[in-house]
Amino acid sequence: MKKDDFFQRVYHVVKRIPYGRVTTYGLIAKYLGSSSSARTVGWALNASHNDSSIPAHRVVNRKGLLTGKHHFKGFELMRQLLESEGIIIEDDKVLDFEQKIWTPK
């Protein structure tokens, strides 16, 4: 599979993340049948920042940390976007992560 095809599949999944919920790089990779590709999911999201239809801010690491925040134009933008959806962030981590996680199906 070509990288562009994988990236498009990532974007399709990310667009389905419900407002006020988050998912992880690993859950997306697993859903796409490539469990070891969590880092590639991150690369796809880094390449998506010019497309506002892809809510990349809703993807966090497996512990709920905002590890992708430095890829957003404003250092606090990822946090601000999540908080605008009602997600509480403390020390760069999603509080109540277990209740906010969305698993692609």
PDB file of N, CA and C in Angstrom:
ATOM      1  N   MET A   1       0.831  -1.173   0.000  1.00  0.00           N
ATOM      2  CA  MET A   1       0.000   0.000   0.000  1.00  0.00           C
ATOM      3  C   MET A   1       0.886   1.249   0.000  1.00  0.00           C
ATOM      4  N   LYS A   2       0.529   2.209  -0.818  1.00  0.00           N
ATOM      5  CA  LYS A   2       1.290   3.442  -0.883  1.00  0.00           C
ATOM      6  C   LYS A   2       0.984   4.315   0.329  1.00  0.00           C
ATOM      7  N   LYS A   3       1.964   5.141   0.694  1.00  0.00           N
ATOM      8  CA  LYS A   3       1.818   6.036   1.836  1.00  0.00           C
ATOM      9  C   LYS A   3       0.581   6.918   1.693  1.00  0.00           C
ATOM     10  N   ASP A   4       0.359   7.483   0.514  1.00  0.00           N
ATOM     11  CA  ASP A   4      -0.791   8.367   0.306  1.00  0.00           C
ATOM     12  C   ASP A   4      -2.108   7.648   0.561  1.00  0.00           C
ATOM     13  N   ASP A   5      -2.192   6.378   0.160  1.00  0.00           N
ATOM     14  CA  ASP A   5      -3.408   5.592   0.411  1.00  0.00           C
ATOM     15  C   ASP A   5      -3.626   5.416   1.911  1.00  0.00           C
ATOM     16  N   PHE A   6      -2.562   5.098   2.642  1.00  0.00           N
ATOM     17  CA  PHE A   6      -2.669   4.919   4.089  1.00  0.00           C
ATOM     18  C   PHE A   6      -3.087   6.231   4.744  1.00  0.00           C
ATOM     19  N   PHE A   7      -2.470   7.337   4.336  1.00  0.00           N
ATOM     20  CA  PHE A   7      -2.813   8.644   4.895  1.00  0.00           C
ATOM     21  C   PHE A   7      -4.295   8.937   4.675  1.00  0.00           C
ATOM     22  N   GLN A   8      -4.822   8.660   3.490  1.00  0.00           N
ATOM     23  CA  GLN A   8      -6.232   8.911   3.203  1.00  0.00           C
ATOM     24  C   GLN A   8      -7.132   8.050   4.084  1.00  0.00           C
ATOM     25  N   ARG A   9      -6.714   6.836   4.340  1.00  0.00           N
ATOM     26  CA  ARG A   9      -7.490   5.958   5.221  1.00  0.00           C
ATOM     27  C   ARG A   9      -7.479   6.498   6.654  1.00  0.00           C
ATOM     28  N   VAL A  10      -6.341   7.028   7.087  1.00  0.00           N
ATOM     29  CA  VAL A  10      -6.248   7.653   8.409  1.00  0.00           C
ATOM     30  C   VAL A  10      -7.219   8.829   8.479  1.00  0.00           C
ATOM     31  N   TYR A  11      -7.207   9.685   7.470  1.00  0.00           N
ATOM     32  CA  TYR A  11      -8.074  10.866   7.465  1.00  0.00           C
ATOM     33  C   TYR A  11      -9.548  10.465   7.515  1.00  0.00           C
ATOM     34  N   HIS A  12      -9.894   9.412   6.827  1.00  0.00           N
ATOM     35  CA  HIS A  12     -11.278   8.939   6.831  1.00  0.00           C
ATOM     36  C   HIS A  12     -11.713   8.554   8.253  1.00  0.00           C
ATOM     37  N   VAL A  13     -10.838   7.871   8.978  1.00  0.00           N
ATOM     38  CA  VAL A  13     -11.148   7.469  10.357  1.00  0.00           C
ATOM     39  C   VAL A  13     -11.215   8.694  11.263  1.00  0.00           C
ATOM     40  N   VAL A  14     -10.250   9.584  11.150  1.00  0.00           N
ATOM     41  CA  VAL A  14     -10.189  10.752  12.030  1.00  0.00           C
ATOM     42  C   VAL A  14     -11.420  11.638  11.856  1.00  0.00           C
ATOM     43  N   LYS A  15     -11.917  11.737  10.655  1.00  0.00           N
ATOM     44  CA  LYS A  15     -13.118  12.543  10.415  1.00  0.00           C
ATOM     45  C   LYS A  15     -14.345  11.967  11.119  1.00  0.00           C
ATOM     46  N   ARG A  16     -14.285  10.713  11.518  1.00  0.00           N
ATOM     47  CA  ARG A  16     -15.412  10.055  12.197  1.00  0.00           C
ATOM     48  C   ARG A  16     -15.364  10.187  13.719  1.00  0.00           C
ATOM     49  N   ILE A  17     -14.276  10.720  14.270  1.00  0.00           N
ATOM     50  CA  ILE A  17     -14.178  10.863  15.726  1.00  0.00           C
ATOM     51  C   ILE A  17     -15.249  11.859  16.174  1.00  0.00           C
ATOM     52  N   PRO A  18     -16.116  11.446  17.078  1.00  0.00           N
ATOM     53  CA  PRO A  18     -17.192  12.344  17.517  1.00  0.00           C
ATOM     54  C   PRO A  18     -16.668  13.578  18.255  1.00  0.00           C
ATOM     55  N   TYR A  19     -17.393  14.657  18.120  1.00  0.00           N
ATOM     56  CA  TYR A  19     -17.134  15.891  18.852  1.00  0.00           C
ATOM     57  C   TYR A  19     -17.100  15.563  20.346  1.00  0.00           C
ATOM     58  N   GLY A  20     -16.088  16.092  21.032  1.00  0.00           N
ATOM     59  CA  GLY A  20     -15.985  15.867  22.466  1.00  0.00           C
ATOM     60  C   GLY A  20     -15.381  14.540  22.864  1.00  0.00           C
ATOM     61  N   ARG A  21     -14.812  13.831  21.904  1.00  0.00           N
ATOM     62  CA  ARG A  21     -14.176  12.527  22.164  1.00  0.00           C
ATOM     63  C   ARG A  21     -12.770  12.547  21.571  1.00  0.00           C
ATOM     64  N   VAL A  22     -11.950  11.610  21.983  1.00  0.00           N
ATOM     65  CA  VAL A  22     -10.596  11.454  21.453  1.00  0.00           C
ATOM     66  C   VAL A  22     -10.350   9.991  21.128  1.00  0.00           C
ATOM     67  N   THR A  23      -9.346   9.751  20.315  1.00  0.00           N
ATOM     68  CA  THR A  23      -8.863   8.396  20.077  1.00  0.00           C
ATOM     69  C   THR A  23      -7.345   8.449  20.065  1.00  0.00           C
ATOM     70  N   THR A  24      -6.717   7.307  19.838  1.00  0.00           N
ATOM     71  CA  THR A  24      -5.257   7.254  19.875  1.00  0.00           C
ATOM     72  C   THR A  24      -4.693   6.864  18.515  1.00  0.00           C
ATOM     73  N   TYR A  25      -3.423   7.177  18.348  1.00  0.00           N
ATOM     74  CA  TYR A  25      -2.712   6.786  17.126  1.00  0.00           C
ATOM     75  C   TYR A  25      -2.771   5.269  16.959  1.00  0.00           C
ATOM     76  N   GLY A  26      -2.555   4.559  18.061  1.00  0.00           N
ATOM     77  CA  GLY A  26      -2.542   3.101  18.027  1.00  0.00           C
ATOM     78  C   GLY A  26      -3.888   2.485  17.684  1.00  0.00           C
ATOM     79  N   LEU A  27      -4.977   3.055  18.222  1.00  0.00           N
ATOM     80  CA  LEU A  27      -6.299   2.521  17.897  1.00  0.00           C
ATOM     81  C   LEU A  27      -6.630   2.714  16.419  1.00  0.00           C
ATOM     82  N   ILE A  28      -6.212   3.835  15.867  1.00  0.00           N
ATOM     83  CA  ILE A  28      -6.428   4.066  14.432  1.00  0.00           C
ATOM     84  C   ILE A  28      -5.624   3.055  13.625  1.00  0.00           C
ATOM     85  N   ALA A  29      -4.354   2.877  13.980  1.00  0.00           N
ATOM     86  CA  ALA A  29      -3.498   1.924  13.264  1.00  0.00           C
ATOM     87  C   ALA A  29      -4.082   0.514  13.338  1.00  0.00           C
ATOM     88  N   LYS A  30      -4.518   0.122  14.525  1.00  0.00           N
ATOM     89  CA  LYS A  30      -5.102  -1.212  14.698  1.00  0.00           C
ATOM     90  C   LYS A  30      -6.356  -1.370  13.837  1.00  0.00           C
ATOM     91  N   TYR A  31      -7.220  -0.365  13.837  1.00  0.00           N
ATOM     92  CA  TYR A  31      -8.442  -0.408  13.031  1.00  0.00           C
ATOM     93  C   TYR A  31      -8.110  -0.566  11.547  1.00  0.00           C
ATOM     94  N   LEU A  32      -7.033   0.068  11.114  1.00  0.00           N
ATOM     95  CA  LEU A  32      -6.633   0.002   9.706  1.00  0.00           C
ATOM     96  C   LEU A  32      -5.868  -1.270   9.375  1.00  0.00           C
ATOM     97  N   GLY A  33      -5.728  -2.171  10.354  1.00  0.00           N
ATOM     98  CA  GLY A  33      -5.083  -3.460  10.108  1.00  0.00           C
ATOM     99  C   GLY A  33      -3.572  -3.417  10.135  1.00  0.00           C
ATOM    100  N   SER A  34      -3.027  -2.385  10.759  1.00  0.00           N
ATOM    101  CA  SER A  34      -1.580  -2.227  10.806  1.00  0.00           C
ATOM    102  C   SER A  34      -1.171  -1.752  12.195  1.00  0.00           C
ATOM    103  N   SER A  35      -1.319  -2.618  13.174  1.00  0.00           N
ATOM    104  CA  SER A  35      -1.103  -2.262  14.578  1.00  0.00           C
ATOM    105  C   SER A  35       0.239  -1.600  14.862  1.00  0.00           C
ATOM    106  N   SER A  36       1.237  -1.933  14.089  1.00  0.00           N
ATOM    107  CA  SER A  36       2.568  -1.368  14.339  1.00  0.00           C
ATOM    108  C   SER A  36       2.791  -0.027  13.641  1.00  0.00           C
ATOM    109  N   SER A  37       1.737   0.572  13.118  1.00  0.00           N
ATOM    110  CA  SER A  37       1.885   1.813  12.338  1.00  0.00           C
ATOM    111  C   SER A  37       1.390   3.065  13.057  1.00  0.00           C
ATOM    112  N   ALA A  38       1.384   3.064  14.382  1.00  0.00           N
ATOM    113  CA  ALA A  38       0.912   4.239  15.118  1.00  0.00           C
ATOM    114  C   ALA A  38       1.727   5.480  14.757  1.00  0.00           C
ATOM    115  N   ARG A  39       3.019   5.322  14.603  1.00  0.00           N
ATOM    116  CA  ARG A  39       3.870   6.463  14.249  1.00  0.00           C
ATOM    117  C   ARG A  39       3.508   7.000  12.865  1.00  0.00           C
ATOM    118  N   THR A  40       3.168   6.119  11.936  1.00  0.00           N
ATOM    119  CA  THR A  40       2.771   6.553  10.597  1.00  0.00           C
ATOM    120  C   THR A  40       1.439   7.295  10.647  1.00  0.00           C
ATOM    121  N   VAL A  41       0.557   6.895  11.546  1.00  0.00           N
ATOM    122  CA  VAL A  41      -0.687   7.645  11.754  1.00  0.00           C
ATOM    123  C   VAL A  41      -0.339   9.072  12.162  1.00  0.00           C
ATOM    124  N   GLY A  42       0.619   9.219  13.056  1.00  0.00           N
ATOM    125  CA  GLY A  42       1.073  10.546  13.472  1.00  0.00           C
ATOM    126  C   GLY A  42       1.623  11.351  12.310  1.00  0.00           C
ATOM    127  N   TRP A  43       2.395  10.718  11.450  1.00  0.00           N
ATOM    128  CA  TRP A  43       2.938  11.419  10.273  1.00  0.00           C
ATOM    129  C   TRP A  43       1.804  11.887   9.361  1.00  0.00           C
ATOM    130  N   ALA A  44       0.797  11.036   9.203  1.00  0.00           N
ATOM    131  CA  ALA A  44      -0.353  11.417   8.371  1.00  0.00           C
ATOM    132  C   ALA A  44      -1.035  12.646   8.956  1.00  0.00           C
ATOM    133  N   LEU A  45      -1.206  12.659  10.269  1.00  0.00           N
ATOM    134  CA  LEU A  45      -1.866  13.803  10.899  1.00  0.00           C
ATOM    135  C   LEU A  45      -1.011  15.058  10.814  1.00  0.00           C
ATOM    136  N   ASN A  46       0.301  14.911  10.907  1.00  0.00           N
ATOM    137  CA  ASN A  46       1.185  16.072  10.748  1.00  0.00           C
ATOM    138  C   ASN A  46       1.030  16.682   9.365  1.00  0.00           C
ATOM    139  N   ALA A  47       0.770  15.846   8.388  1.00  0.00           N
ATOM    140  CA  ALA A  47       0.626  16.320   7.005  1.00  0.00           C
ATOM    141  C   ALA A  47      -0.766  16.888   6.724  1.00  0.00           C
ATOM    142  N   SER A  48      -1.671  16.795   7.693  1.00  0.00           N
ATOM    143  CA  SER A  48      -3.067  17.190   7.455  1.00  0.00           C
ATOM    144  C   SER A  48      -3.431  18.569   7.968  1.00  0.00           C
ATOM    145  N   HIS A  49      -2.512  19.271   8.574  1.00  0.00           N
ATOM    146  CA  HIS A  49      -2.861  20.505   9.281  1.00  0.00           C
ATOM    147  C   HIS A  49      -3.394  21.626   8.396  1.00  0.00           C
ATOM    148  N   ASN A  50      -3.243  21.532   7.103  1.00  0.00           N
ATOM    149  CA  ASN A  50      -3.815  22.548   6.221  1.00  0.00           C
ATOM    150  C   ASN A  50      -5.253  22.238   5.833  1.00  0.00           C
ATOM    151  N   ASP A  51      -5.768  21.105   6.300  1.00  0.00           N
ATOM    152  CA  ASP A  51      -7.134  20.693   5.985  1.00  0.00           C
ATOM    153  C   ASP A  51      -7.972  20.736   7.258  1.00  0.00           C
ATOM    154  N   SER A  52      -8.772  21.780   7.400  1.00  0.00           N
ATOM    155  CA  SER A  52      -9.549  21.962   8.633  1.00  0.00           C
ATOM    156  C   SER A  52     -10.673  20.944   8.794  1.00  0.00           C
ATOM    157  N   SER A  53     -10.936  20.134   7.760  1.00  0.00           N
ATOM    158  CA  SER A  53     -11.981  19.110   7.881  1.00  0.00           C
ATOM    159  C   SER A  53     -11.480  17.866   8.622  1.00  0.00           C
ATOM    160  N   ILE A  54     -10.187  17.812   8.905  1.00  0.00           N
ATOM    161  CA  ILE A  54      -9.599  16.669   9.615  1.00  0.00           C
ATOM    162  C   ILE A  54      -9.301  17.098  11.051  1.00  0.00           C
ATOM    163  N   PRO A  55     -10.078  16.624  12.027  1.00  0.00           N
ATOM    164  CA  PRO A  55      -9.898  17.046  13.420  1.00  0.00           C
ATOM    165  C   PRO A  55      -8.730  16.334  14.107  1.00  0.00           C
ATOM    166  N   ALA A  56      -7.531  16.621  13.632  1.00  0.00           N
ATOM    167  CA  ALA A  56      -6.329  15.962  14.150  1.00  0.00           C
ATOM    168  C   ALA A  56      -6.137  16.201  15.646  1.00  0.00           C
ATOM    169  N   HIS A  57      -6.711  17.279  16.171  1.00  0.00           N
ATOM    170  CA  HIS A  57      -6.570  17.572  17.600  1.00  0.00           C
ATOM    171  C   HIS A  57      -7.229  16.513  18.476  1.00  0.00           C
ATOM    172  N   ARG A  58      -8.083  15.689  17.918  1.00  0.00           N
ATOM    173  CA  ARG A  58      -8.780  14.656  18.688  1.00  0.00           C
ATOM    174  C   ARG A  58      -7.976  13.359  18.811  1.00  0.00           C
ATOM    175  N   VAL A  59      -6.751  13.356  18.330  1.00  0.00           N
ATOM    176  CA  VAL A  59      -5.915  12.151  18.405  1.00  0.00           C
ATOM    177  C   VAL A  59      -4.781  12.406  19.399  1.00  0.00           C
ATOM    178  N   VAL A  60      -4.707  11.537  20.400  1.00  0.00           N
ATOM    179  CA  VAL A  60      -3.721  11.659  21.475  1.00  0.00           C
ATOM    180  C   VAL A  60      -2.955  10.339  21.591  1.00  0.00           C
ATOM    181  N   ASN A  61      -1.978  10.311  22.483  1.00  0.00           N
ATOM    182  CA  ASN A  61      -1.252   9.046  22.627  1.00  0.00           C
ATOM    183  C   ASN A  61      -2.028   8.082  23.523  1.00  0.00           C
ATOM    184  N   ARG A  62      -1.517   6.901  23.705  1.00  0.00           N
ATOM    185  CA  ARG A  62      -2.240   5.829  24.411  1.00  0.00           C
ATOM    186  C   ARG A  62      -2.486   6.124  25.879  1.00  0.00           C
ATOM    187  N   LYS A  63      -1.819   7.141  26.412  1.00  0.00           N
ATOM    188  CA  LYS A  63      -2.025   7.532  27.812  1.00  0.00           C
ATOM    189  C   LYS A  63      -2.893   8.783  27.928  1.00  0.00           C
ATOM    190  N   GLY A  64      -3.338   9.304  26.791  1.00  0.00           N
ATOM    191  CA  GLY A  64      -4.161  10.506  26.809  1.00  0.00           C
ATOM    192  C   GLY A  64      -3.376  11.791  26.763  1.00  0.00           C
ATOM    193  N   LEU A  65      -2.082  11.703  26.496  1.00  0.00           N
ATOM    194  CA  LEU A  65      -1.231  12.893  26.431  1.00  0.00           C
ATOM    195  C   LEU A  65      -1.318  13.572  25.068  1.00  0.00           C
ATOM    196  N   LEU A  66      -1.231  14.890  25.072  1.00  0.00           N
ATOM    197  CA  LEU A  66      -1.281  15.678  23.842  1.00  0.00           C
ATOM    198  C   LEU A  66       0.102  15.717  23.194  1.00  0.00           C
ATOM    199  N   THR A  67       0.585  14.587  22.775  1.00  0.00           N
ATOM    200  CA  THR A  67       1.939  14.498  22.230  1.00  0.00           C
ATOM    201  C   THR A  67       2.085  15.173  20.875  1.00  0.00           C
ATOM    202  N   GLY A  68       0.994  15.396  20.167  1.00  0.00           N
ATOM    203  CA  GLY A  68       1.069  16.034  18.857  1.00  0.00           C
ATOM    204  C   GLY A  68       0.930  17.535  18.890  1.00  0.00           C
ATOM    205  N   LYS A  69       0.842  18.109  20.076  1.00  0.00           N
ATOM    206  CA  LYS A  69       0.540  19.537  20.188  1.00  0.00           C
ATOM    207  C   LYS A  69       1.574  20.439  19.526  1.00  0.00           C
ATOM    208  N   HIS A  70       2.824  20.031  19.486  1.00  0.00           N
ATOM    209  CA  HIS A  70       3.853  20.888  18.895  1.00  0.00           C
ATOM    210  C   HIS A  70       3.749  20.971  17.371  1.00  0.00           C
ATOM    211  N   HIS A  71       2.879  20.188  16.768  1.00  0.00           N
ATOM    212  CA  HIS A  71       2.692  20.242  15.320  1.00  0.00           C
ATOM    213  C   HIS A  71       1.596  21.221  14.912  1.00  0.00           C
ATOM    214  N   PHE A  72       0.873  21.764  15.888  1.00  0.00           N
ATOM    215  CA  PHE A  72      -0.152  22.758  15.597  1.00  0.00           C
ATOM    216  C   PHE A  72       0.499  24.138  15.560  1.00  0.00           C
ATOM    217  N   LYS A  73      -0.062  25.056  14.798  1.00  0.00           N
ATOM    218  CA  LYS A  73       0.542  26.384  14.631  1.00  0.00           C
ATOM    219  C   LYS A  73       0.706  27.107  15.952  1.00  0.00           C
ATOM    220  N   GLY A  74      -0.309  27.121  16.785  1.00  0.00           N
ATOM    221  CA  GLY A  74      -0.181  27.705  18.114  1.00  0.00           C
ATOM    222  C   GLY A  74       0.121  26.600  19.101  1.00  0.00           C
ATOM    223  N   PHE A  75       1.121  26.781  19.946  1.00  0.00           N
ATOM    224  CA  PHE A  75       1.553  25.719  20.857  1.00  0.00           C
ATOM    225  C   PHE A  75       0.406  25.222  21.730  1.00  0.00           C
ATOM    226  N   GLU A  76      -0.547  26.104  22.046  1.00  0.00           N
ATOM    227  CA  GLU A  76      -1.679  25.730  22.894  1.00  0.00           C
ATOM    228  C   GLU A  76      -2.932  25.408  22.088  1.00  0.00           C
ATOM    229  N   LEU A  77      -2.850  25.438  20.767  1.00  0.00           N
ATOM    230  CA  LEU A  77      -4.039  25.272  19.929  1.00  0.00           C
ATOM    231  C   LEU A  77      -4.719  23.922  20.130  1.00  0.00           C
ATOM    232  N   MET A  78      -3.961  22.856  20.222  1.00  0.00           N
ATOM    233  CA  MET A  78      -4.566  21.531  20.399  1.00  0.00           C
ATOM    234  C   MET A  78      -5.386  21.494  21.689  1.00  0.00           C
ATOM    235  N   ARG A  79      -4.795  21.997  22.764  1.00  0.00           N
ATOM    236  CA  ARG A  79      -5.497  22.046  24.046  1.00  0.00           C
ATOM    237  C   ARG A  79      -6.754  22.903  23.934  1.00  0.00           C
ATOM    238  N   GLN A  80      -6.635  24.070  23.317  1.00  0.00           N
ATOM    239  CA  GLN A  80      -7.772  24.977  23.186  1.00  0.00           C
ATOM    240  C   GLN A  80      -8.911  24.339  22.386  1.00  0.00           C
ATOM    241  N   LEU A  81      -8.572  23.654  21.311  1.00  0.00           N
ATOM    242  CA  LEU A  81      -9.598  22.995  20.503  1.00  0.00           C
ATOM    243  C   LEU A  81     -10.311  21.904  21.292  1.00  0.00           C
ATOM    244  N   LEU A  82      -9.551  21.107  22.024  1.00  0.00           N
ATOM    245  CA  LEU A  82     -10.165  20.048  22.836  1.00  0.00           C
ATOM    246  C   LEU A  82     -11.038  20.639  23.947  1.00  0.00           C
ATOM    247  N   GLU A  83     -10.537  21.675  24.605  1.00  0.00           N
ATOM    248  CA  GLU A  83     -11.314  22.293  25.674  1.00  0.00           C
ATOM    249  C   GLU A  83     -12.588  22.934  25.133  1.00  0.00           C
ATOM    250  N   SER A  84     -12.540  23.452  23.903  1.00  0.00           N
ATOM    251  CA  SER A  84     -13.750  24.043  23.309  1.00  0.00           C
ATOM    252  C   SER A  84     -14.823  22.985  23.058  1.00  0.00           C
ATOM    253  N   GLU A  85     -14.409  21.713  23.045  1.00  0.00           N
ATOM    254  CA  GLU A  85     -15.345  20.599  22.871  1.00  0.00           C
ATOM    255  C   GLU A  85     -15.743  19.978  24.212  1.00  0.00           C
ATOM    256  N   GLY A  86     -15.327  20.613  25.310  1.00  0.00           N
ATOM    257  CA  GLY A  86     -15.711  20.136  26.629  1.00  0.00           C
ATOM    258  C   GLY A  86     -14.762  19.126  27.240  1.00  0.00           C
ATOM    259  N   ILE A  87     -13.623  18.902  26.613  1.00  0.00           N
ATOM    260  CA  ILE A  87     -12.636  17.962  27.153  1.00  0.00           C
ATOM    261  C   ILE A  87     -11.721  18.728  28.101  1.00  0.00           C
ATOM    262  N   ILE A  88     -11.568  18.218  29.305  1.00  0.00           N
ATOM    263  CA  ILE A  88     -10.731  18.880  30.300  1.00  0.00           C
ATOM    264  C   ILE A  88      -9.302  18.353  30.174  1.00  0.00           C
ATOM    265  N   ILE A  89      -8.369  19.285  30.080  1.00  0.00           N
ATOM    266  CA  ILE A  89      -6.947  18.955  29.941  1.00  0.00           C
ATOM    267  C   ILE A  89      -6.218  19.451  31.183  1.00  0.00           C
ATOM    268  N   GLU A  90      -5.403  18.600  31.743  1.00  0.00           N
ATOM    269  CA  GLU A  90      -4.568  18.998  32.877  1.00  0.00           C
ATOM    270  C   GLU A  90      -3.177  18.428  32.665  1.00  0.00           C
ATOM    271  N   ASP A  91      -2.175  19.282  32.747  1.00  0.00           N
ATOM    272  CA  ASP A  91      -0.784  18.867  32.512  1.00  0.00           C
ATOM    273  C   ASP A  91      -0.637  18.137  31.178  1.00  0.00           C
ATOM    274  N   ASP A  92      -1.262  18.703  30.133  1.00  0.00           N
ATOM    275  CA  ASP A  92      -1.201  18.147  28.769  1.00  0.00           C
ATOM    276  C   ASP A  92      -1.788  16.737  28.666  1.00  0.00           C
ATOM    277  N   LYS A  93      -2.718  16.408  29.534  1.00  0.00           N
ATOM    278  CA  LYS A  93      -3.346  15.090  29.517  1.00  0.00           C
ATOM    279  C   LYS A  93      -4.860  15.232  29.593  1.00  0.00           C
ATOM    280  N   VAL A  94      -5.565  14.369  28.843  1.00  0.00           N
ATOM    281  CA  VAL A  94      -7.026  14.345  28.872  1.00  0.00           C
ATOM    282  C   VAL A  94      -7.471  13.727  30.201  1.00  0.00           C
ATOM    283  N   LEU A  95      -8.219  14.519  30.984  1.00  0.00           N
ATOM    284  CA  LEU A  95      -8.791  13.969  32.212  1.00  0.00           C
ATOM    285  C   LEU A  95      -9.970  13.091  31.830  1.00  0.00           C
ATOM    286  N   ASP A  96     -10.274  12.114  32.636  1.00  0.00           N
ATOM    287  CA  ASP A  96     -11.336  11.157  32.334  1.00  0.00           C
ATOM    288  C   ASP A  96     -11.122  10.520  30.962  1.00  0.00           C
ATOM    289  N   PHE A  97      -9.867  10.226  30.677  1.00  0.00           N
ATOM    290  CA  PHE A  97      -9.481   9.665  29.378  1.00  0.00           C
ATOM    291  C   PHE A  97     -10.302   8.426  29.034  1.00  0.00           C
ATOM    292  N   GLU A  98     -10.505   7.551  30.012  1.00  0.00           N
ATOM    293  CA  GLU A  98     -11.237   6.304  29.769  1.00  0.00           C
ATOM    294  C   GLU A  98     -12.674   6.567  29.316  1.00  0.00           C
ATOM    295  N   GLN A  99     -13.260   7.673  29.784  1.00  0.00           N
ATOM    296  CA  GLN A  99     -14.631   8.008  29.392  1.00  0.00           C
ATOM    297  C   GLN A  99     -14.685   8.775  28.066  1.00  0.00           C
ATOM    298  N   LYS A 100     -13.591   9.391  27.693  1.00  0.00           N
ATOM    299  CA  LYS A 100     -13.558  10.211  26.474  1.00  0.00           C
ATOM    300  C   LYS A 100     -13.045   9.445  25.249  1.00  0.00           C
ATOM    301  N   ILE A 101     -12.479   8.264  25.466  1.00  0.00           N
ATOM    302  CA  ILE A 101     -11.870   7.523  24.354  1.00  0.00           C
ATOM    303  C   ILE A 101     -12.948   6.987  23.407  1.00  0.00           C
ATOM    304  N   TRP A 102     -12.672   7.092  22.131  1.00  0.00           N
ATOM    305  CA  TRP A 102     -13.545   6.562  21.073  1.00  0.00           C
ATOM    306  C   TRP A 102     -12.740   5.525  20.312  1.00  0.00           C
ATOM    307  N   THR A 103     -13.314   4.345  20.149  1.00  0.00           N
ATOM    308  CA  THR A 103     -12.637   3.271  19.425  1.00  0.00           C
ATOM    309  C   THR A 103     -13.282   3.111  18.054  1.00  0.00           C
ATOM    310  N   PRO A 104     -12.500   3.248  16.985  1.00  0.00           N
ATOM    311  CA  PRO A 104     -13.081   3.076  15.629  1.00  0.00           C
ATOM    312  C   PRO A 104     -13.639   1.679  15.442  1.00  0.00           C
ATOM    313  N   LYS A 105     -14.801   1.610  14.807  1.00  0.00           N
ATOM    314  CA  LYS A 105     -15.425   0.314  14.517  1.00  0.00           C
ATOM    315  C   LYS A 105     -15.971   0.318  13.120  1.00  0.00           C
TER     316      LYS A 105
END
